[in-house]
Amino acid sequence: MRTVIWLREDLRLHDNPALHHAALSGDVIPVYIYPQGLGAASYWWLHHSLSRLANDLSEQGVELILKTGDPAEVLADVCRAVGADRLAWNRVYSPAGIDLGRQVKERFSQLDIALQSFNGQLLTEPTQIFTKQGTPFKVFTPFWRHCLTTLEPTELLGRPDFKPSNITVESESLDDWGLLPTKPDWSVGISERWQPGEAGAQTRWESFLSGRIRRYKDGRDIPKDENTSMLSPHLAFGEISPKQIWFETHEAIAAREVDSDNGNKFLSEIGWREFSRYLLVHFPHVISASFNSRFEEFPWQTDASLLHAWQHGQTGYPIVDAGMRELWHTGYMHNRVRMVVASFLTKHCLIDWRIGMDWFWDTLVDADIANNTASWQWASGCGADAAPYFRIFNPILQGEKFDKEGEYIKRWVPELSKLGKRFINKPWEADPMTLKLAGITLGETYPWPVVDHKEARQRALDAYQVIRKPAQ
């Protein structure tokens, strides 16, 4: 049998159901179609991930075919060109991904070619999980508790053994796609931190499982340390499977190499990833609209100067600025700081969560439509399982709690590096001599706060009065 594999968010060989099952029965022709609408940082990652996947396939005598165009038509053309018996793929659980799958099925209903799809992205199948009342879950904790009682992932699939093939298909060039930045090349900091591709994913996972996971529960909130897995971009591009993470974490717990508190806390974050996709499957409107419909009446403000200050790490609040500069330099931001900067934009600045979500989409290497949407709605208070909307992070206290010595701030906001911990999160409160000795001139070397915390907090609480009454 000859199978065309439609690759999307599954750029790996290990535990890839579509590739595995196709390789068992004959020739395999993997095809990747240029994706529209990714952010700049994601395109950078995609270039390197595809390059490494192409090399891995080539070592086994298989060519990765790159194409541009309407997926349904491109896949139909490739299948006809190679005389394929079957088209297979791993499902993508987003509104656009689901819609593309339907379009392909409709187009192939006119062809004598078998279709086969797999779950290669999640531990669960979203369409099979419901409350006792038969309705979709809307809160994470009961959702994940239900999953834990029923979750029985199938066994991991190894690296497929491909049969040698002399099939040739015209392919576009990855370089011609122009995914990398050139003028200017802003990717230097990103390149220093990341190794896209399946090998990079496995290296990072092994490093985390053999060490940092043991301090995950408490250490995950400390931005100066790398206590998190840093797997999010690898998961977003499917360079490692969540099943592998699940199985090997449980194996480490069973072997007492990892204590259950740290291991299960980490797995609950994998659960949040599952829940984010679950929401998109059952409530696809949240891709652009608030889960809590009352927030569609919220009086969001338009303030270009506040938005610019936030985007470029010039708000005058050190923990916020450190996070935004880390994002710009590395394509990544520590999760605790993501919550702080998202709260600041939506609550201190009253700027629509969708604007922040779009900025993250363009600048994050782990930009993931499900996580990005769910997390921004959570931070702004309008999403499923959101924090109480009136909870407003105090960026000063957040910095003092999670970056006590100011080490994270000083790394990313070096103009404050000589300021002691007493004022590192609130330099505007330092006396003139302290500022002078630290080489700081507020308004010149570092900005005054763009908003007053107390005033901004009250303004946000006043704005929330608009949505307190139940929707009609």
Protein backbone atom coordinates (compact mmCIF):
# COMPACT_ATOMS: atom_id res chain seq x y z
CA MET A 1 0.00 0.00 0.00
CA ARG A 2 1.19 3.50 -0.78
CA THR A 3 0.26 6.21 1.74
CA VAL A 4 0.55 9.98 1.56
CA ILE A 5 0.99 11.44 5.05
CA TRP A 6 -0.33 14.94 5.65
CA LEU A 7 1.96 16.39 8.32
CA ARG A 8 0.81 19.37 10.38
CA GLU A 9 1.45 19.72 14.11
CA ASP A 10 3.35 16.42 14.33
CA LEU A 11 6.89 17.09 13.15
CA ARG A 12 8.49 13.98 14.65
CA LEU A 13 9.18 10.32 13.91
CA HIS A 14 8.78 8.79 17.40
CA ASP A 15 5.23 8.01 18.53
CA ASN A 16 3.68 9.44 15.37
CA PRO A 17 0.60 7.28 14.70
CA ALA A 18 0.03 8.32 11.10
CA LEU A 19 3.64 7.69 10.10
CA HIS A 20 3.93 4.51 12.14
CA HIS A 21 0.89 2.74 10.70
CA ALA A 22 1.64 3.85 7.16
CA ALA A 23 5.21 2.54 7.36
CA LEU A 24 3.95 -0.89 8.43
CA SER A 25 2.06 -1.39 5.21
CA GLY A 26 4.17 0.05 2.41
CA ASP A 27 5.52 3.22 0.84
CA VAL A 28 5.23 6.52 2.71
CA ILE A 29 5.15 9.97 1.11
CA PRO A 30 5.13 12.70 3.80
CA VAL A 31 3.79 16.09 2.72
CA TYR A 32 3.90 19.39 4.58
CA ILE A 33 1.83 22.29 3.26
CA TYR A 34 2.81 25.90 3.95
CA PRO A 35 0.68 27.14 6.86
CA GLN A 36 -0.89 30.56 6.57
CA GLY A 37 -1.17 32.94 9.50
CA LEU A 38 1.67 31.90 11.82
CA GLY A 39 3.57 34.52 13.78
CA ALA A 40 7.11 35.57 12.88
CA ALA A 41 8.73 33.64 15.74
CA SER A 42 6.76 30.51 14.85
CA TYR A 43 7.88 30.71 11.22
CA TRP A 44 11.49 30.87 12.45
CA TRP A 45 10.92 27.72 14.50
CA LEU A 46 9.07 26.00 11.68
CA HIS A 47 11.98 26.50 9.28
CA HIS A 48 14.43 24.73 11.59
CA SER A 49 11.97 22.04 12.63
CA LEU A 50 11.16 21.14 9.03
CA SER A 51 14.84 21.18 8.10
CA ARG A 52 15.68 18.69 10.85
CA LEU A 53 12.67 16.50 10.10
CA ALA A 54 13.66 16.42 6.43
CA ASN A 55 17.15 15.28 7.43
CA ASP A 56 15.78 12.57 9.73
CA LEU A 57 13.53 11.26 6.96
CA SER A 58 16.28 11.47 4.36
CA GLU A 59 18.51 9.24 6.49
CA GLN A 60 15.89 6.54 6.00
CA GLY A 61 15.49 7.16 2.30
CA VAL A 62 12.28 9.18 2.51
CA GLU A 63 11.83 12.67 1.09
CA LEU A 64 9.76 15.33 2.83
CA ILE A 65 7.59 17.02 0.21
CA LEU A 66 6.89 20.74 0.68
CA LYS A 67 3.94 22.33 -1.06
CA THR A 68 1.98 25.56 -1.07
CA GLY A 69 -1.73 25.89 -1.76
CA ASP A 70 -5.16 24.71 -0.74
CA PRO A 71 -4.54 21.53 1.32
CA ALA A 72 -7.43 19.57 -0.17
CA GLU A 73 -6.28 20.21 -3.72
CA VAL A 74 -2.57 19.83 -2.99
CA LEU A 75 -3.11 16.47 -1.29
CA ALA A 76 -5.39 15.26 -4.07
CA ASP A 77 -2.75 16.20 -6.65
CA VAL A 78 0.05 14.44 -4.75
CA CYS A 79 -2.04 11.32 -4.25
CA ARG A 80 -2.81 11.14 -7.95
CA ALA A 81 0.82 11.80 -8.91
CA VAL A 82 2.18 8.93 -6.80
CA GLY A 83 -0.73 6.55 -7.24
CA ALA A 84 -1.55 6.58 -3.52
CA ASP A 85 -3.98 4.09 -2.02
CA ARG A 86 -4.43 6.04 1.20
CA LEU A 87 -4.15 9.49 2.77
CA ALA A 88 -3.47 9.59 6.50
CA TRP A 89 -2.92 12.33 9.06
CA ASN A 90 -2.92 13.16 12.75
CA ARG A 91 -5.83 15.34 13.76
CA VAL A 92 -5.46 19.01 14.73
CA TYR A 93 -7.87 20.13 17.44
CA SER A 94 -8.51 23.75 16.55
CA PRO A 95 -11.43 25.28 14.63
CA ALA A 96 -9.25 25.87 11.57
CA GLY A 97 -7.63 22.44 11.87
CA ILE A 98 -10.98 20.68 12.17
CA ASP A 99 -12.36 22.64 9.24
CA LEU A 100 -9.40 21.71 7.05
CA GLY A 101 -9.94 18.06 7.92
CA ARG A 102 -13.55 18.32 6.80
CA GLN A 103 -12.56 20.00 3.55
CA VAL A 104 -10.08 17.24 2.79
CA LYS A 105 -12.64 14.54 3.53
CA GLU A 106 -15.16 16.25 1.26
CA ARG A 107 -12.64 16.57 -1.58
CA PHE A 108 -11.52 12.93 -1.27
CA SER A 109 -15.09 11.65 -1.26
CA GLN A 110 -14.79 12.01 -5.03
CA LEU A 111 -11.62 9.92 -5.20
CA ASP A 112 -10.99 6.22 -4.77
CA ILE A 113 -8.47 6.78 -1.99
CA ALA A 114 -8.88 5.57 1.59
CA LEU A 115 -8.71 8.11 4.43
CA GLN A 116 -7.38 7.51 7.93
CA SER A 117 -6.87 9.96 10.80
CA PHE A 118 -5.31 9.51 14.23
CA ASN A 119 -5.01 11.25 17.56
CA GLY A 120 -1.32 12.04 17.69
CA GLN A 121 -1.56 15.26 19.66
CA LEU A 122 -3.53 14.59 22.84
CA LEU A 123 -3.84 12.08 25.67
CA THR A 124 -7.61 12.30 25.39
CA GLU A 125 -10.20 12.48 22.63
CA PRO A 126 -12.16 15.72 23.23
CA THR A 127 -15.33 14.51 21.57
CA GLN A 128 -15.63 11.64 24.06
CA ILE A 129 -15.40 13.55 27.34
CA PHE A 130 -18.54 14.97 28.98
CA THR A 131 -20.01 15.67 32.38
CA LYS A 132 -22.56 13.32 33.95
CA GLN A 133 -25.20 15.56 32.42
CA GLY A 134 -23.78 14.97 28.96
CA THR A 135 -22.49 18.51 28.54
CA PRO A 136 -18.91 19.69 27.92
CA PHE A 137 -16.79 20.54 30.93
CA LYS A 138 -16.25 24.26 31.51
CA VAL A 139 -13.90 24.11 34.51
CA PHE A 140 -10.44 22.58 34.46
CA THR A 141 -10.35 20.76 37.80
CA PRO A 142 -13.39 18.49 37.26
CA PHE A 143 -12.31 18.01 33.63
CA TRP A 144 -8.86 16.81 34.63
CA ARG A 145 -10.18 14.76 37.53
CA HIS A 146 -12.48 12.97 35.08
CA CYS A 147 -9.59 12.42 32.67
CA LEU A 148 -7.42 10.93 35.39
CA THR A 149 -10.07 8.32 36.22
CA THR A 150 -10.47 7.22 32.60
CA LEU A 151 -7.13 7.99 30.99
CA GLU A 152 -5.52 4.95 29.42
CA PRO A 153 -3.24 6.15 26.62
CA THR A 154 -2.24 3.52 24.12
CA GLU A 155 1.34 2.28 24.16
CA LEU A 156 4.08 4.43 22.73
CA LEU A 157 4.96 3.83 19.11
CA GLY A 158 8.61 3.65 18.20
CA ARG A 159 10.45 5.26 15.34
CA PRO A 160 9.01 3.80 12.12
CA ASP A 161 11.08 1.69 9.76
CA PHE A 162 10.50 3.01 6.28
CA LYS A 163 10.78 0.83 3.23
CA PRO A 164 13.20 2.13 0.58
CA SER A 165 11.32 3.93 -2.16
CA ASN A 166 12.22 5.43 -5.52
CA ILE A 167 9.10 7.58 -5.63
CA THR A 168 9.88 11.14 -6.69
CA VAL A 169 7.54 14.08 -6.23
CA GLU A 170 8.28 17.68 -7.08
CA SER A 171 8.88 19.63 -3.89
CA GLU A 172 9.27 23.29 -3.10
CA SER A 173 12.41 24.53 -1.37
CA LEU A 174 12.32 25.39 2.33
CA ASP A 175 14.67 28.32 1.69
CA ASP A 176 12.31 29.68 -0.95
CA TRP A 177 9.57 29.87 1.67
CA GLY A 178 11.51 32.69 3.32
CA LEU A 179 10.59 31.77 6.89
CA LEU A 180 13.71 33.25 8.47
CA PRO A 181 14.15 36.96 9.28
CA THR A 182 16.85 38.74 7.31
CA LYS A 183 16.66 42.53 7.43
CA PRO A 184 16.97 42.76 10.32
CA ASP A 185 17.74 39.31 11.68
CA TRP A 186 16.11 39.52 15.12
CA SER A 187 16.53 35.81 15.82
CA VAL A 188 20.01 35.79 17.40
CA GLY A 189 18.69 35.58 20.98
CA ILE A 190 16.16 32.95 19.99
CA SER A 191 18.84 30.86 18.28
CA GLU A 192 20.99 30.99 21.41
CA ARG A 193 18.24 29.54 23.61
CA TRP A 194 16.50 26.99 21.41
CA GLN A 195 17.18 23.87 19.38
CA PRO A 196 14.07 23.22 17.28
CA GLY A 197 13.35 19.71 16.07
CA GLU A 198 12.74 16.27 17.51
CA ALA A 199 16.31 15.79 18.76
CA GLY A 200 16.14 19.10 20.59
CA ALA A 201 12.83 18.11 22.15
CA GLN A 202 14.20 14.79 23.38
CA THR A 203 17.33 16.43 24.82
CA ARG A 204 15.29 19.01 26.71
CA TRP A 205 12.84 16.40 27.98
CA GLU A 206 15.59 14.07 29.21
CA SER A 207 17.29 16.96 30.98
CA PHE A 208 14.09 18.00 32.72
CA LEU A 209 13.03 14.48 33.72
CA SER A 210 16.45 13.67 35.14
CA GLY A 211 16.71 16.83 37.20
CA ARG A 212 14.50 19.92 37.24
CA ILE A 213 11.20 18.08 37.61
CA ARG A 214 12.26 17.30 41.19
CA ARG A 215 11.81 20.95 42.14
CA TYR A 216 8.96 21.72 39.77
CA LYS A 217 6.07 22.25 42.19
CA ASP A 218 7.70 25.08 44.12
CA GLY A 219 10.33 26.16 41.63
CA ARG A 220 8.03 26.66 38.64
CA ASP A 221 7.05 30.16 39.84
CA ILE A 222 10.60 31.51 40.15
CA PRO A 223 11.47 33.23 36.86
CA LYS A 224 15.22 33.57 37.46
CA ASP A 225 15.62 29.77 37.47
CA GLU A 226 14.92 27.28 34.71
CA ASN A 227 12.72 24.95 36.72
CA THR A 228 10.07 24.39 34.07
CA SER A 229 10.27 21.85 31.26
CA MET A 230 10.65 24.42 28.44
CA LEU A 231 8.86 21.90 26.22
CA SER A 232 6.02 24.17 25.10
CA PRO A 233 7.38 25.02 21.63
CA HIS A 234 8.33 21.39 21.02
CA LEU A 235 4.80 20.34 21.95
CA ALA A 236 3.28 23.11 19.83
CA PHE A 237 5.04 21.77 16.73
CA GLY A 238 4.53 18.13 17.67
CA GLU A 239 8.23 17.37 18.04
CA ILE A 240 7.49 15.26 21.11
CA SER A 241 4.26 13.46 21.97
CA PRO A 242 2.30 14.12 25.17
CA LYS A 243 1.98 10.35 25.52
CA GLN A 244 5.73 10.01 25.91
CA ILE A 245 5.72 12.69 28.58
CA TRP A 246 2.82 10.99 30.37
CA PHE A 247 4.27 7.50 30.34
CA GLU A 248 7.82 8.41 31.27
CA THR A 249 6.73 10.73 34.08
CA HIS A 250 4.62 7.94 35.56
CA GLU A 251 7.50 5.52 35.16
CA ALA A 252 9.78 7.93 37.04
CA ILE A 253 7.18 8.29 39.83
CA ALA A 254 6.75 4.52 40.08
CA ALA A 255 10.51 4.06 40.27
CA ARG A 256 10.65 6.76 42.98
CA GLU A 257 12.98 8.80 40.84
CA VAL A 258 10.44 11.64 40.99
CA ASP A 259 8.12 12.27 43.93
CA SER A 260 4.40 12.28 43.14
CA ASP A 261 3.84 15.91 44.19
CA ASN A 262 6.27 17.26 41.63
CA GLY A 263 5.40 14.71 38.96
CA ASN A 264 1.64 15.14 39.21
CA LYS A 265 1.88 18.92 39.36
CA PHE A 266 3.81 18.84 36.11
CA LEU A 267 1.30 16.48 34.53
CA SER A 268 -1.52 18.82 35.51
CA GLU A 269 0.09 21.37 33.19
CA ILE A 270 -0.12 18.80 30.42
CA GLY A 271 -3.75 18.55 31.51
CA TRP A 272 -4.21 22.30 31.02
CA ARG A 273 -2.93 21.85 27.46
CA GLU A 274 -5.56 19.14 26.98
CA PHE A 275 -8.27 21.38 28.45
CA SER A 276 -7.33 24.30 26.19
CA ARG A 277 -7.85 22.15 23.10
CA TYR A 278 -10.99 20.65 24.57
CA LEU A 279 -12.46 24.15 24.88
CA LEU A 280 -11.71 24.94 21.24
CA VAL A 281 -13.43 21.76 20.10
CA HIS A 282 -16.60 22.35 22.10
CA PHE A 283 -16.68 26.16 22.13
CA PRO A 284 -14.97 27.22 18.88
CA HIS A 285 -16.25 30.80 19.18
CA VAL A 286 -13.70 31.46 21.95
CA ILE A 287 -11.01 31.73 19.29
CA SER A 288 -12.06 35.37 18.96
CA ALA A 289 -14.84 35.98 21.50
CA SER A 290 -14.91 35.89 25.28
CA PHE A 291 -16.09 32.62 26.81
CA ASN A 292 -18.01 34.77 29.30
CA SER A 293 -20.25 36.65 26.89
CA ARG A 294 -20.73 39.51 29.34
CA PHE A 295 -17.17 40.58 28.59
CA GLU A 296 -18.20 41.52 25.07
CA GLU A 297 -19.71 44.60 26.75
CA PHE A 298 -16.53 45.45 28.66
CA PRO A 299 -15.31 49.01 28.01
CA TRP A 300 -11.88 48.19 26.63
CA GLN A 301 -9.72 51.24 25.97
CA THR A 302 -7.59 52.17 22.98
CA ASP A 303 -4.30 53.69 24.00
CA ALA A 304 -1.46 53.33 21.50
CA SER A 305 1.16 54.77 23.87
CA LEU A 306 0.31 52.32 26.67
CA LEU A 307 0.32 49.41 24.22
CA HIS A 308 3.69 50.46 22.79
CA ALA A 309 5.19 50.77 26.27
CA TRP A 310 3.93 47.31 27.18
CA GLN A 311 5.14 45.70 23.96
CA HIS A 312 8.64 47.11 24.32
CA GLY A 313 9.13 46.64 28.06
CA GLN A 314 8.95 50.33 28.94
CA THR A 315 6.04 50.42 31.40
CA GLY A 316 8.10 51.48 34.39
CA TYR A 317 7.11 48.31 36.25
CA PRO A 318 10.30 46.22 36.32
CA ILE A 319 8.77 42.73 36.44
CA VAL A 320 6.50 43.57 33.50
CA ASP A 321 9.34 45.10 31.50
CA ALA A 322 11.66 42.18 32.23
CA GLY A 323 9.08 39.73 30.92
CA MET A 324 8.37 41.65 27.75
CA ARG A 325 12.08 42.03 27.00
CA GLU A 326 12.72 38.36 27.63
CA LEU A 327 9.94 37.63 25.15
CA TRP A 328 11.40 39.90 22.49
CA HIS A 329 14.92 38.54 22.90
CA THR A 330 14.23 34.81 23.28
CA GLY A 331 10.74 34.22 21.87
CA TYR A 332 9.70 32.98 25.29
CA MET A 333 8.53 34.22 28.68
CA HIS A 334 8.37 32.51 32.06
CA ASN A 335 4.80 31.39 32.80
CA ARG A 336 4.45 33.28 36.10
CA VAL A 337 5.54 36.46 34.36
CA ARG A 338 3.13 35.79 31.47
CA MET A 339 0.28 36.00 33.97
CA VAL A 340 1.63 39.27 35.38
CA VAL A 341 2.11 40.98 32.01
CA ALA A 342 -1.28 39.78 30.74
CA SER A 343 -3.01 41.07 33.85
CA PHE A 344 -1.18 44.37 33.51
CA LEU A 345 -2.28 44.88 29.90
CA THR A 346 -5.91 43.93 30.40
CA LYS A 347 -6.48 45.38 33.86
CA HIS A 348 -4.00 48.19 34.44
CA CYS A 349 -4.21 49.41 30.83
CA LEU A 350 -7.74 48.13 30.04
CA ILE A 351 -6.53 46.96 26.63
CA ASP A 352 -8.47 44.13 25.00
CA TRP A 353 -7.05 40.65 25.67
CA ARG A 354 -7.20 39.92 21.94
CA ILE A 355 -4.58 42.59 21.28
CA GLY A 356 -2.23 40.99 23.79
CA MET A 357 -2.98 37.56 22.38
CA ASP A 358 -2.04 38.77 18.90
CA TRP A 359 1.28 40.13 20.17
CA PHE A 360 2.10 36.83 21.83
CA TRP A 361 1.07 34.99 18.69
CA ASP A 362 3.65 36.91 16.69
CA THR A 363 6.51 36.87 19.19
CA LEU A 364 6.32 33.51 21.01
CA VAL A 365 8.13 30.47 19.63
CA ASP A 366 5.56 28.38 21.52
CA ALA A 367 2.59 30.30 20.10
CA ASP A 368 -0.24 27.80 20.31
CA ILE A 369 -3.75 28.83 19.37
CA ALA A 370 -5.42 26.83 22.14
CA ASN A 371 -3.05 27.70 25.00
CA ASN A 372 -2.75 31.31 23.86
CA THR A 373 -6.50 31.82 23.72
CA ALA A 374 -7.34 30.03 26.96
CA SER A 375 -4.52 31.66 28.93
CA TRP A 376 -5.27 35.20 27.80
CA GLN A 377 -8.94 34.76 28.59
CA TRP A 378 -8.03 33.32 31.98
CA ALA A 379 -5.78 36.28 32.76
CA SER A 380 -8.37 38.86 31.74
CA GLY A 381 -11.13 37.07 33.65
CA CYS A 382 -13.38 36.35 30.67
CA GLY A 383 -12.52 32.72 30.01
CA ALA A 384 -13.50 29.27 31.15
CA ASP A 385 -12.18 28.52 34.62
CA ALA A 386 -10.94 32.10 34.82
CA ALA A 387 -9.66 33.70 37.97
CA PRO A 388 -12.20 36.08 39.51
CA TYR A 389 -12.28 38.98 37.12
CA PHE A 390 -11.77 41.43 39.98
CA ARG A 391 -8.44 39.80 40.88
CA ILE A 392 -5.80 42.25 39.71
CA PHE A 393 -2.16 41.26 40.02
CA ASN A 394 -0.05 43.85 41.79
CA PRO A 395 3.13 43.89 39.68
CA ILE A 396 5.16 45.24 42.59
CA LEU A 397 4.14 42.47 44.99
CA GLN A 398 4.45 39.84 42.28
CA GLY A 399 8.02 40.91 41.69
CA GLU A 400 8.85 41.00 45.38
CA LYS A 401 7.37 37.56 45.91
CA PHE A 402 8.79 35.67 42.95
CA ASP A 403 11.97 37.65 42.22
CA LYS A 404 13.01 38.62 45.74
CA GLU A 405 16.58 39.61 44.92
CA GLY A 406 15.68 41.10 41.56
CA GLU A 407 17.92 38.69 39.64
CA TYR A 408 15.42 38.13 36.83
CA ILE A 409 14.72 41.85 36.55
CA LYS A 410 18.41 42.76 36.49
CA ARG A 411 19.07 40.26 33.73
CA TRP A 412 16.47 41.72 31.39
CA VAL A 413 16.38 45.33 32.61
CA PRO A 414 20.11 45.99 33.03
CA GLU A 415 19.62 49.72 33.60
CA LEU A 416 18.34 48.73 37.06
CA SER A 417 21.18 46.31 37.81
CA LYS A 418 22.79 48.50 40.50
CA LEU A 419 19.57 49.01 42.42
CA GLY A 420 19.17 47.05 45.65
CA LYS A 421 16.29 44.67 46.30
CA ARG A 422 14.42 47.24 48.43
CA PHE A 423 13.61 49.33 45.35
CA ILE A 424 14.20 46.96 42.43
CA ASN A 425 10.44 46.47 41.96
CA LYS A 426 9.54 50.11 42.63
CA PRO A 427 12.43 52.37 41.58
CA TRP A 428 10.21 55.46 41.67
CA GLU A 429 10.12 55.18 45.47
CA ALA A 430 13.91 55.35 45.81
CA ASP A 431 15.42 58.58 47.08
CA PRO A 432 17.45 60.75 44.68
CA MET A 433 20.84 59.69 46.11
CA THR A 434 19.99 55.97 45.79
CA LEU A 435 18.96 56.51 42.17
CA LYS A 436 22.09 58.53 41.44
CA LEU A 437 24.38 55.89 42.91
CA ALA A 438 22.58 53.27 40.80
CA GLY A 439 23.02 55.39 37.68
CA ILE A 440 19.29 55.79 37.20
CA THR A 441 17.50 58.90 35.99
CA LEU A 442 13.78 58.24 35.93
CA GLY A 443 12.22 59.43 32.73
CA GLU A 444 15.54 59.13 30.91
CA THR A 445 17.43 55.90 31.64
CA TYR A 446 14.28 54.13 32.87
CA PRO A 447 10.66 55.29 32.55
CA TRP A 448 8.33 56.47 35.24
CA PRO A 449 5.34 54.09 35.64
CA VAL A 450 2.95 54.58 32.73
CA VAL A 451 0.01 54.20 35.15
CA ASP A 452 -0.34 54.46 38.91
CA HIS A 453 -1.10 51.03 40.33
CA LYS A 454 -3.76 52.12 42.81
CA GLU A 455 -5.50 54.39 40.31
CA ALA A 456 -5.36 51.75 37.56
CA ARG A 457 -6.72 49.10 39.90
CA GLN A 458 -9.67 51.27 40.84
CA ARG A 459 -10.31 52.18 37.22
CA ALA A 460 -10.43 48.48 36.35
CA LEU A 461 -12.81 47.70 39.23
CA ASP A 462 -15.07 50.55 38.09
CA ALA A 463 -15.04 49.20 34.54
CA TYR A 464 -16.00 45.75 35.79
CA GLN A 465 -19.24 47.17 37.15
CA VAL A 466 -20.46 47.18 33.55
CA ILE A 467 -20.47 43.36 33.39
CA ARG A 468 -21.53 42.51 36.93
CA LYS A 469 -25.19 42.20 36.00
CA PRO A 470 -26.13 38.86 34.37
CA ALA A 471 -26.40 38.74 30.59
CA GLN A 472 -29.96 39.07 29.31
